[in-house]
Amino acid sequence: MKNYLVEGLTVKIKALGSEIGALAMILIISVVFGSFAPQYLTFGNLIDILRTSSILFIVSLAMGIVIASGGIDLSIGHVMGFSGLITAYMLVNLKLSIPLSILGGFLVGTLLGCINGVIVGWLGVSSFITTLGMQMLVVGLRFWLTDGATIMNLPRPFRWYGGGMVHGIPVITIIAFVILIIMVFLMHRTTLGRRIICVGQNSEASRLSGINPRIYTALALTLSGALSGIAGILIVARNTMANVDVGDRFLIDAITMGVLAHVVFGKFKVYGVIMMTIFMVMLMNGLTMLGVQPSSMNMIKGIMLIIAIGFGKFIQYLSNRKRVQREAF
């Protein structure tokens, strides 16, 4: 009986190896930066890390879902910014209510994601080309809508979503946590989510098993647009204004988080994305406190992304090699 318990515990520890490793990385950088920068572990800085992680998590999750389906969404940051810009435009220029403006921004993001999905899924155009085209389209739409002007004077109740607190916890973090719970259920406990992941792993095998890859490719990009819309609304609420380029800088970060989570955890996991997001935000925050220049931090992100992609390809090569050896015998 004792041996069975030990073996069972060993199997569980191995299964949770990626999660334990990610938590260890977060703990290590907390200790390291806390030692060199005492203000790193202060309550105010931890709250700032939570706020930043919350927005980045939502947009990285959007990218992670598309990567899990076998594609990529280069329009994610621009759709995010345009959704936030639409919400601000409806609030300030059209004088509409907060709920209606938020709904408008969310629906715009979802619609743009759906358009990407239809073009990729049904017309067979690559997600790279389609979303690159959508990116350029959205850039034009933003300047057409605002003439390049910044939208200011957002209502105070709306700004609460980006900067408010509930019992010491940022509202934006509470929203991100709710999205985390919903997406864990949707992607890991429902047929829809499992089929999206299945299509990304092997589209042809999915088709032969009765799954229509077109539908789930389109749904993945639609989910990406919806989540990008939410992230855009929240970033505008946090910034208390809407620039024409709001959201653009999130593209590279979203790709980095999506790829890192996939490589570290071996497959797409929603909680893997949040763990990698927290790790990256804590790392960048600590480097900033130590005086590292933004250009150097971008280099670090780029290096991490290249290493992650290379490591992922290497693991895939080893896996394919082992499979060929098994089949040979």
Protein backbone atom coordinates (compact mmCIF):
# COMPACT_ATOMS: atom_id res chain seq x y z
CA MET A 1 0.00 0.00 0.00
CA LYS A 2 2.82 2.34 0.92
CA ASN A 3 4.61 1.66 -2.37
CA TYR A 4 1.46 2.50 -4.33
CA LEU A 5 1.13 5.82 -2.49
CA VAL A 6 4.78 6.68 -3.14
CA GLU A 7 4.45 5.78 -6.82
CA GLY A 8 1.25 7.80 -7.12
CA LEU A 9 2.88 10.80 -5.46
CA THR A 10 5.90 10.49 -7.77
CA VAL A 11 3.66 10.46 -10.85
CA LYS A 12 1.79 13.55 -9.64
CA ILE A 13 5.05 15.42 -8.97
CA LYS A 14 6.29 14.59 -12.47
CA ALA A 15 2.97 15.70 -13.96
CA LEU A 16 3.23 19.00 -12.08
CA GLY A 17 6.89 19.48 -13.00
CA SER A 18 6.22 22.48 -15.25
CA GLU A 19 3.99 24.19 -12.67
CA ILE A 20 6.55 23.63 -9.91
CA GLY A 21 9.31 24.95 -12.17
CA ALA A 22 7.32 28.08 -13.03
CA LEU A 23 6.56 28.77 -9.37
CA ALA A 24 10.24 28.25 -8.56
CA MET A 25 11.24 30.84 -11.20
CA ILE A 26 8.79 33.36 -9.75
CA LEU A 27 10.09 32.72 -6.23
CA ILE A 28 13.73 33.01 -7.31
CA ILE A 29 13.35 36.37 -9.05
CA SER A 30 11.32 37.65 -6.08
CA VAL A 31 14.19 36.81 -3.71
CA VAL A 32 16.89 38.12 -6.07
CA PHE A 33 15.27 41.45 -6.89
CA GLY A 34 14.03 41.85 -3.32
CA SER A 35 17.63 41.58 -2.15
CA PHE A 36 18.99 44.20 -4.54
CA ALA A 37 15.96 46.53 -4.56
CA PRO A 38 14.14 46.66 -1.17
CA GLN A 39 11.20 48.53 -2.73
CA TYR A 40 10.58 45.59 -5.07
CA LEU A 41 8.52 43.63 -2.54
CA THR A 42 6.57 46.60 -1.20
CA PHE A 43 2.78 46.50 -1.28
CA GLY A 44 2.56 49.35 -3.80
CA ASN A 45 4.92 47.66 -6.26
CA LEU A 46 3.16 44.31 -5.93
CA ILE A 47 -0.15 46.03 -6.74
CA ASP A 48 1.46 47.60 -9.81
CA ILE A 49 2.72 44.15 -10.88
CA LEU A 50 -0.80 42.77 -10.49
CA ARG A 51 -2.30 45.54 -12.63
CA THR A 52 0.27 45.13 -15.39
CA SER A 53 0.04 41.34 -15.31
CA SER A 54 -3.75 41.45 -15.56
CA ILE A 55 -3.87 43.31 -18.89
CA LEU A 56 -0.93 41.40 -20.36
CA PHE A 57 -2.48 38.09 -19.28
CA ILE A 58 -5.73 38.76 -21.14
CA VAL A 59 -4.05 39.70 -24.41
CA SER A 60 -1.44 36.90 -24.04
CA LEU A 61 -4.27 34.43 -23.47
CA ALA A 62 -5.84 35.62 -26.71
CA MET A 63 -2.57 34.95 -28.52
CA GLY A 64 -2.11 31.63 -26.73
CA ILE A 65 -5.48 30.36 -27.96
CA VAL A 66 -4.62 31.21 -31.57
CA ILE A 67 -1.19 29.57 -31.25
CA ALA A 68 -2.89 26.51 -29.72
CA SER A 69 -5.12 26.32 -32.82
CA GLY A 70 -2.06 26.30 -35.08
CA GLY A 71 -2.03 29.95 -36.15
CA ILE A 72 -0.89 33.39 -35.11
CA ASP A 73 -2.67 36.73 -34.69
CA LEU A 74 -0.50 39.71 -35.67
CA SER A 75 -3.46 42.10 -35.38
CA ILE A 76 -3.96 41.42 -31.68
CA GLY A 77 -2.44 44.65 -30.33
CA HIS A 78 -4.12 46.83 -32.94
CA VAL A 79 -7.52 45.22 -32.41
CA MET A 80 -7.00 45.71 -28.69
CA GLY A 81 -6.22 49.40 -29.16
CA PHE A 82 -9.07 49.98 -31.61
CA SER A 83 -11.60 48.40 -29.25
CA GLY A 84 -10.46 50.69 -26.44
CA LEU A 85 -10.51 53.67 -28.80
CA ILE A 86 -14.08 52.86 -29.89
CA THR A 87 -15.19 52.69 -26.25
CA ALA A 88 -13.57 56.05 -25.49
CA TYR A 89 -15.06 57.59 -28.65
CA MET A 90 -18.55 56.42 -27.71
CA LEU A 91 -18.15 57.75 -24.16
CA VAL A 92 -16.69 61.18 -24.95
CA ASN A 93 -17.65 62.04 -28.52
CA LEU A 94 -21.04 60.34 -28.73
CA LYS A 95 -21.92 60.82 -25.02
CA LEU A 96 -23.25 57.28 -24.69
CA SER A 97 -23.61 55.36 -21.43
CA ILE A 98 -20.72 53.36 -19.94
CA PRO A 99 -22.36 49.91 -20.37
CA LEU A 100 -23.27 50.64 -24.00
CA SER A 101 -19.79 52.00 -24.78
CA ILE A 102 -18.09 49.00 -23.21
CA LEU A 103 -20.38 46.68 -25.16
CA GLY A 104 -19.55 48.58 -28.35
CA GLY A 105 -15.79 48.19 -27.84
CA PHE A 106 -16.16 44.50 -26.99
CA LEU A 107 -18.34 43.80 -30.05
CA VAL A 108 -15.88 45.60 -32.35
CA GLY A 109 -13.02 43.43 -31.10
CA THR A 110 -15.12 40.29 -31.46
CA LEU A 111 -16.25 41.26 -34.97
CA LEU A 112 -12.69 41.91 -36.16
CA GLY A 113 -11.60 38.58 -34.71
CA CYS A 114 -14.54 36.87 -36.44
CA ILE A 115 -13.55 38.43 -39.78
CA ASN A 116 -10.03 37.09 -39.30
CA GLY A 117 -11.50 33.69 -38.49
CA VAL A 118 -13.73 33.54 -41.56
CA ILE A 119 -10.89 34.52 -43.90
CA VAL A 120 -8.47 32.02 -42.37
CA GLY A 121 -10.93 29.20 -41.71
CA TRP A 122 -13.15 29.29 -44.78
CA LEU A 123 -11.07 31.05 -47.44
CA GLY A 124 -7.88 29.22 -46.51
CA VAL A 125 -5.66 32.31 -46.29
CA SER A 126 -2.79 31.93 -43.82
CA SER A 127 -3.33 33.50 -40.40
CA PHE A 128 -0.03 35.41 -40.81
CA ILE A 129 -1.17 37.18 -43.99
CA THR A 130 -4.76 37.70 -42.83
CA THR A 131 -3.95 39.22 -39.45
CA LEU A 132 -1.17 41.34 -40.95
CA GLY A 133 -3.73 42.77 -43.35
CA MET A 134 -6.18 43.32 -40.49
CA GLN A 135 -3.43 45.13 -38.59
CA MET A 136 -2.97 47.63 -41.43
CA LEU A 137 -6.75 48.03 -41.84
CA VAL A 138 -7.19 48.85 -38.16
CA VAL A 139 -4.36 51.40 -38.25
CA GLY A 140 -6.23 53.23 -41.01
CA LEU A 141 -9.56 53.01 -39.18
CA ARG A 142 -8.08 54.51 -36.02
CA PHE A 143 -6.72 57.58 -37.79
CA TRP A 144 -9.93 57.94 -39.81
CA LEU A 145 -11.99 57.91 -36.63
CA THR A 146 -9.95 60.38 -34.56
CA ASP A 147 -7.67 62.23 -37.03
CA GLY A 148 -4.81 61.15 -34.77
CA ALA A 149 -6.17 63.03 -31.74
CA THR A 150 -6.07 61.66 -28.19
CA ILE A 151 -9.46 61.18 -26.53
CA MET A 152 -9.38 62.66 -23.03
CA ASN A 153 -11.82 63.39 -20.18
CA LEU A 154 -13.12 59.87 -19.75
CA PRO A 155 -15.87 59.55 -17.09
CA ARG A 156 -14.63 58.81 -13.57
CA PRO A 157 -16.87 55.70 -13.16
CA PHE A 158 -15.29 54.23 -16.30
CA ARG A 159 -11.75 54.97 -15.10
CA TRP A 160 -12.58 52.95 -11.95
CA TYR A 161 -12.34 49.73 -14.00
CA GLY A 162 -8.68 50.47 -14.68
CA GLY A 163 -7.56 52.06 -11.41
CA GLY A 164 -10.16 51.18 -8.77
CA MET A 165 -9.66 48.88 -5.80
CA VAL A 166 -11.96 46.46 -3.99
CA HIS A 167 -10.74 45.47 -0.52
CA GLY A 168 -7.17 46.27 -1.54
CA ILE A 169 -7.32 44.29 -4.78
CA PRO A 170 -7.26 46.11 -8.16
CA VAL A 171 -10.56 45.87 -10.03
CA ILE A 172 -8.63 45.06 -13.19
CA THR A 173 -7.10 42.04 -11.43
CA ILE A 174 -10.51 40.82 -10.30
CA ILE A 175 -11.73 41.03 -13.91
CA ALA A 176 -8.66 39.11 -15.11
CA PHE A 177 -9.26 36.43 -12.45
CA VAL A 178 -12.88 36.00 -13.60
CA ILE A 179 -11.65 35.65 -17.20
CA LEU A 180 -9.06 33.11 -16.01
CA ILE A 181 -11.76 30.93 -14.40
CA ILE A 182 -14.06 31.18 -17.44
CA MET A 183 -11.29 30.36 -19.92
CA VAL A 184 -9.94 27.43 -17.86
CA PHE A 185 -13.43 25.93 -18.01
CA LEU A 186 -13.94 26.79 -21.69
CA MET A 187 -10.57 25.59 -22.99
CA HIS A 188 -9.99 22.56 -20.74
CA ARG A 189 -13.46 21.36 -19.76
CA THR A 190 -15.58 21.83 -22.87
CA THR A 191 -15.64 20.19 -26.29
CA LEU A 192 -15.07 23.55 -27.98
CA GLY A 193 -11.78 24.25 -26.22
CA ARG A 194 -10.47 20.72 -26.55
CA ARG A 195 -11.21 20.68 -30.27
CA ILE A 196 -9.44 24.01 -30.81
CA ILE A 197 -6.34 22.51 -29.18
CA CYS A 198 -6.79 19.25 -31.12
CA VAL A 199 -6.94 21.11 -34.45
CA GLY A 200 -3.70 22.92 -33.58
CA GLN A 201 -1.92 19.68 -32.73
CA ASN A 202 -2.91 17.87 -35.92
CA SER A 203 -5.38 19.42 -38.33
CA GLU A 204 -5.53 16.42 -40.69
CA ALA A 205 -6.07 13.92 -37.87
CA SER A 206 -8.82 16.15 -36.49
CA ARG A 207 -10.54 16.23 -39.87
CA LEU A 208 -10.38 12.45 -40.20
CA SER A 209 -11.92 12.08 -36.73
CA GLY A 210 -14.93 14.17 -37.72
CA ILE A 211 -13.81 17.60 -36.47
CA ASN A 212 -14.10 20.47 -38.95
CA PRO A 213 -10.82 22.44 -38.59
CA ARG A 214 -12.36 25.47 -40.33
CA ILE A 215 -14.93 26.00 -37.59
CA TYR A 216 -12.48 25.79 -34.71
CA THR A 217 -9.80 27.86 -36.43
CA ALA A 218 -12.42 30.58 -36.91
CA LEU A 219 -13.61 30.27 -33.31
CA ALA A 220 -10.04 30.59 -31.98
CA LEU A 221 -9.53 33.86 -33.84
CA THR A 222 -12.96 35.10 -32.75
CA LEU A 223 -12.06 34.38 -29.11
CA SER A 224 -8.81 36.22 -29.67
CA GLY A 225 -10.68 39.27 -30.92
CA ALA A 226 -13.12 39.17 -27.98
CA LEU A 227 -10.33 38.94 -25.39
CA SER A 228 -8.35 41.65 -27.18
CA GLY A 229 -11.43 43.86 -27.01
CA ILE A 230 -11.67 43.39 -23.24
CA ALA A 231 -7.95 44.11 -22.83
CA GLY A 232 -8.27 47.26 -24.93
CA ILE A 233 -11.14 48.60 -22.86
CA LEU A 234 -9.21 47.97 -19.65
CA ILE A 235 -5.97 49.59 -20.86
CA VAL A 236 -7.87 52.72 -21.87
CA ALA A 237 -9.57 52.79 -18.46
CA ARG A 238 -6.18 52.41 -16.76
CA ASN A 239 -4.48 55.09 -18.89
CA THR A 240 -7.53 57.41 -18.43
CA MET A 241 -7.20 58.35 -22.12
CA ALA A 242 -7.12 56.75 -25.58
CA ASN A 243 -4.27 57.33 -28.03
CA VAL A 244 -4.33 56.10 -31.61
CA ASP A 245 -1.41 53.78 -30.85
CA VAL A 246 -2.75 52.37 -27.58
CA GLY A 247 -2.24 48.61 -27.48
CA ASP A 248 0.40 48.43 -30.25
CA ARG A 249 3.24 47.57 -27.87
CA PHE A 250 1.43 44.47 -26.58
CA LEU A 251 1.93 42.39 -29.75
CA ILE A 252 5.49 41.23 -29.08
CA ASP A 253 4.77 40.65 -25.39
CA ALA A 254 1.69 38.58 -26.25
CA ILE A 255 3.64 36.43 -28.71
CA THR A 256 6.43 35.96 -26.17
CA MET A 257 4.02 34.89 -23.41
CA GLY A 258 2.08 32.58 -25.71
CA VAL A 259 5.21 30.83 -26.98
CA LEU A 260 6.88 30.65 -23.54
CA ALA A 261 3.77 29.13 -21.95
CA HIS A 262 3.50 26.55 -24.74
CA VAL A 263 7.18 25.58 -24.51
CA VAL A 264 7.46 25.50 -20.70
CA PHE A 265 4.24 23.55 -20.16
CA GLY A 266 4.54 21.38 -23.28
CA LYS A 267 1.06 22.33 -24.51
CA PHE A 268 -1.49 25.11 -24.17
CA LYS A 269 -2.69 25.69 -20.60
CA VAL A 270 -4.58 28.78 -19.49
CA TYR A 271 -2.93 28.85 -16.08
CA GLY A 272 0.41 28.37 -17.82
CA VAL A 273 -0.13 31.69 -19.62
CA ILE A 274 -0.87 33.52 -16.35
CA MET A 275 2.19 32.04 -14.64
CA MET A 276 4.50 33.04 -17.52
CA THR A 277 2.90 36.49 -17.62
CA ILE A 278 3.50 37.09 -13.91
CA PHE A 279 7.08 35.85 -14.28
CA MET A 280 7.79 38.19 -17.21
CA VAL A 281 6.19 41.24 -15.57
CA MET A 282 8.09 40.62 -12.33
CA LEU A 283 11.33 40.24 -14.30
CA MET A 284 10.84 43.45 -16.27
CA ASN A 285 9.73 45.32 -13.15
CA GLY A 286 12.82 44.22 -11.25
CA LEU A 287 15.16 45.13 -14.11
CA THR A 288 13.57 48.58 -14.29
CA MET A 289 14.25 49.14 -10.59
CA LEU A 290 17.88 48.13 -11.14
CA GLY A 291 18.21 50.81 -13.82
CA VAL A 292 18.17 48.63 -16.94
CA GLN A 293 17.23 50.65 -20.04
CA PRO A 294 14.03 49.82 -21.97
CA SER A 295 16.06 48.99 -25.10
CA SER A 296 18.01 46.38 -23.15
CA MET A 297 14.79 44.87 -21.78
CA ASN A 298 13.44 44.52 -25.31
CA MET A 299 16.64 42.68 -26.19
CA ILE A 300 16.08 40.35 -23.23
CA LYS A 301 12.51 39.64 -24.37
CA GLY A 302 13.73 38.93 -27.88
CA ILE A 303 16.43 36.57 -26.63
CA MET A 304 13.94 34.74 -24.42
CA LEU A 305 11.54 34.36 -27.37
CA ILE A 306 14.27 33.02 -29.68
CA ILE A 307 15.48 30.58 -27.01
CA ALA A 308 11.91 29.42 -26.34
CA ILE A 309 11.21 28.80 -30.04
CA GLY A 310 14.54 27.03 -30.50
CA PHE A 311 14.01 24.88 -27.42
CA GLY A 312 10.51 24.00 -28.56
CA LYS A 313 11.78 22.93 -31.99
CA PHE A 314 14.51 20.84 -30.32
CA ILE A 315 11.98 19.07 -28.09
CA GLN A 316 9.77 18.44 -31.12
CA TYR A 317 12.78 16.98 -32.98
CA LEU A 318 13.58 14.62 -30.09
CA SER A 319 9.93 13.55 -29.85
CA ASN A 320 9.73 12.82 -33.58
CA ARG A 321 13.02 10.93 -33.44
CA LYS A 322 11.82 8.71 -30.59
CA ARG A 323 8.57 8.02 -32.45
CA VAL A 324 10.47 6.99 -35.60
CA GLN A 325 12.70 4.68 -33.54
CA ARG A 326 9.68 3.03 -31.90
CA GLU A 327 8.01 2.52 -35.27
CA ALA A 328 11.24 1.05 -36.68
CA PHE A 329 11.24 -1.64 -34.00
